[in-house]
Every structure is written in C-alpha cells, then in structure tokens.
Amino acid sequence: MFHYKKEFCVKFRDFTTFVCEDDKHSVKVGEPSFPVSAVERWKRVAVGLSQTLEVGDYDSTKFSLSPSVSLDVDIPEHIEGSFYYGQVHIGLKENVFEPSSALRHAAELPLLRKQLSC
C-alpha cells in the first residue's frame, strides 16, 4: 500500500502533499523532588555498593509525555527517489489532555505548516 501511495504522490506531485506523522513511546515524568525510575518494575538497576536506590515506582507517575514527529516530505520526481527528505517537526504532547489520534494529527497539520514556513 505504501508503494501505491508513493506512486500516486509522484504522479500528482504538483497537487499533493505527503506528510508522515508518528507519536513515539510515552515517557513517564516524575514530580519535583520525586524522581522516577527509568526502568519498569522488576528490572535490574546498577547501583553502587554504598548507595540506596530511592526513586518512585515507574507505574505510579501522574504525568507522561509523548514525543510527536512529523515529516513534510519533499516528493521526488521519480518513484526511485528518496521519500526521507523534507521538513521535520518534533513536538511534545501530554497524554491525558492531548491524546494521539488521526483526527488530532489532521487538525494540527495547518499549525505545523505555519510553523515550518516561518
């Protein structure tokens, strides 16, 4: 299917826009003076012999962020060209109030275009 999408974009490159968007892995964020472990529960962590690991549980965080990556592709003139060139935008989304969905990405696209043109 991706090959057909690329072929369509090359054929109608003067009338189309090709944007790739993806939200990456959710990152847990601790509160001030309450650090969070970088690994999930029951995983081993290297700690010095005279030190104590005193961090919050990975599953007990109240806040998490997701990096969101958008690539506005420069459509090549031929199908053999690379679809990995273009403008990249990276943003952070808070998972509770800004959940990821195709509709959210479509709604944010005009704002992204405005930021990339500046």
Protein backbone atom coordinates (compact mmCIF):
# COMPACT_ATOMS: atom_id res chain seq x y z
CA MET A 1 0.00 0.00 0.00
CA PHE A 2 2.83 2.40 0.82
CA HIS A 3 4.29 1.85 -2.65
CA TYR A 4 0.96 2.83 -4.25
CA LYS A 5 0.75 5.95 -2.07
CA LYS A 6 4.24 6.97 -3.13
CA GLU A 7 3.45 6.28 -6.78
CA PHE A 8 0.31 8.47 -6.55
CA CYS A 9 2.28 11.29 -4.93
CA VAL A 10 4.95 11.20 -7.62
CA LYS A 11 2.36 11.19 -10.41
CA PHE A 12 0.46 14.15 -8.94
CA ARG A 13 3.33 15.84 -7.11
CA ASP A 14 2.18 19.35 -8.11
CA PHE A 15 -1.20 18.81 -6.40
CA THR A 16 -0.38 16.60 -3.40
CA THR A 17 1.30 16.82 -0.06
CA PHE A 18 2.86 13.81 1.66
CA VAL A 19 3.18 14.04 5.45
CA CYS A 20 4.34 11.21 7.75
CA GLU A 21 3.37 11.54 11.41
CA ASP A 22 4.05 9.30 14.37
CA ASP A 23 3.91 9.51 18.14
CA LYS A 24 6.80 7.80 19.82
CA HIS A 25 6.96 5.90 23.13
CA SER A 26 5.36 7.53 26.15
CA VAL A 27 7.84 8.99 28.64
CA LYS A 28 6.95 8.96 32.35
CA VAL A 29 7.70 12.21 34.17
CA GLY A 30 8.20 12.48 37.93
CA GLU A 31 7.19 15.34 40.18
CA PRO A 32 9.65 17.88 41.65
CA SER A 33 11.87 16.24 44.30
CA PHE A 34 10.30 12.86 43.45
CA PRO A 35 12.40 11.16 40.74
CA VAL A 36 11.03 8.21 38.79
CA SER A 37 12.90 5.05 37.90
CA ALA A 38 13.86 4.90 34.23
CA VAL A 39 13.09 1.19 34.03
CA GLU A 40 9.90 -0.74 34.53
CA ARG A 41 9.10 -2.76 37.63
CA TRP A 42 11.18 -5.88 38.39
CA LYS A 43 14.04 -4.85 36.11
CA ARG A 44 17.59 -4.78 37.46
CA VAL A 45 19.37 -1.47 38.00
CA ALA A 46 23.09 -0.89 38.63
CA VAL A 47 23.66 0.93 41.95
CA GLY A 48 26.87 1.46 43.92
CA LEU A 49 27.51 -0.74 46.98
CA SER A 50 27.14 2.12 49.45
CA GLN A 51 24.14 3.71 47.69
CA THR A 52 20.41 3.13 48.00
CA LEU A 53 18.05 3.34 45.06
CA GLU A 54 15.35 5.74 46.22
CA VAL A 55 13.06 6.58 43.35
CA GLY A 56 9.34 6.37 42.69
CA ASP A 57 7.76 3.38 41.04
CA TYR A 58 7.54 3.59 37.26
CA ASP A 59 3.80 2.76 37.32
CA SER A 60 2.85 5.41 39.90
CA THR A 61 3.50 8.53 37.85
CA LYS A 62 0.75 11.07 37.31
CA PHE A 63 2.23 12.70 34.23
CA SER A 64 3.61 11.43 30.93
CA LEU A 65 4.68 12.98 27.63
CA SER A 66 4.85 11.60 24.11
CA PRO A 67 7.26 12.97 21.52
CA SER A 68 5.39 13.54 18.25
CA VAL A 69 7.35 13.58 14.99
CA SER A 70 6.07 14.95 11.66
CA LEU A 71 7.88 14.80 8.33
CA ASP A 72 6.64 17.01 5.49
CA VAL A 73 8.15 15.02 2.62
CA ASP A 74 9.77 16.64 -0.39
CA ILE A 75 8.16 14.43 -3.05
CA PRO A 76 10.81 13.27 -5.55
CA GLU A 77 10.32 13.49 -9.32
CA HIS A 78 10.71 9.71 -9.77
CA ILE A 79 9.48 6.76 -7.69
CA GLU A 80 13.09 5.62 -7.18
CA GLY A 81 13.86 8.87 -5.34
CA SER A 82 14.01 9.11 -1.57
CA PHE A 83 10.93 9.92 0.48
CA TYR A 84 13.08 10.66 3.54
CA TYR A 85 13.87 14.31 2.77
CA GLY A 86 11.80 17.25 3.93
CA GLN A 87 10.95 19.42 6.90
CA VAL A 88 10.87 17.70 10.31
CA HIS A 89 8.89 18.97 13.27
CA ILE A 90 9.16 17.44 16.75
CA GLY A 91 6.73 18.33 19.49
CA LEU A 92 5.70 17.08 22.93
CA LYS A 93 2.17 16.08 23.83
CA GLU A 94 0.75 15.49 27.29
CA ASN A 95 -1.02 12.13 27.12
CA VAL A 96 -4.16 12.96 29.15
CA PHE A 97 -5.20 16.29 27.61
CA GLU A 98 -3.68 15.73 24.16
CA PRO A 99 -4.37 12.09 23.24
CA SER A 100 -2.99 10.90 19.94
CA SER A 101 -5.37 10.17 17.07
CA ALA A 102 -5.55 10.60 13.31
CA LEU A 103 -8.04 13.45 13.74
CA ARG A 104 -5.70 15.30 16.10
CA HIS A 105 -2.82 14.96 13.62
CA ALA A 106 -5.06 16.24 10.80
CA ALA A 107 -6.19 19.21 12.91
CA GLU A 108 -2.59 20.09 13.83
CA LEU A 109 -1.36 19.95 10.23
CA PRO A 110 -2.23 23.59 9.34
CA LEU A 111 -0.42 24.78 12.50
CA LEU A 112 2.57 22.63 11.58
CA ARG A 113 2.64 24.10 8.08
CA LYS A 114 2.51 27.62 9.52
CA GLN A 115 5.46 26.88 11.86
CA LEU A 116 7.54 25.29 9.10
CA SER A 117 7.03 28.22 6.73
CA CYS A 118 8.39 30.75 9.26
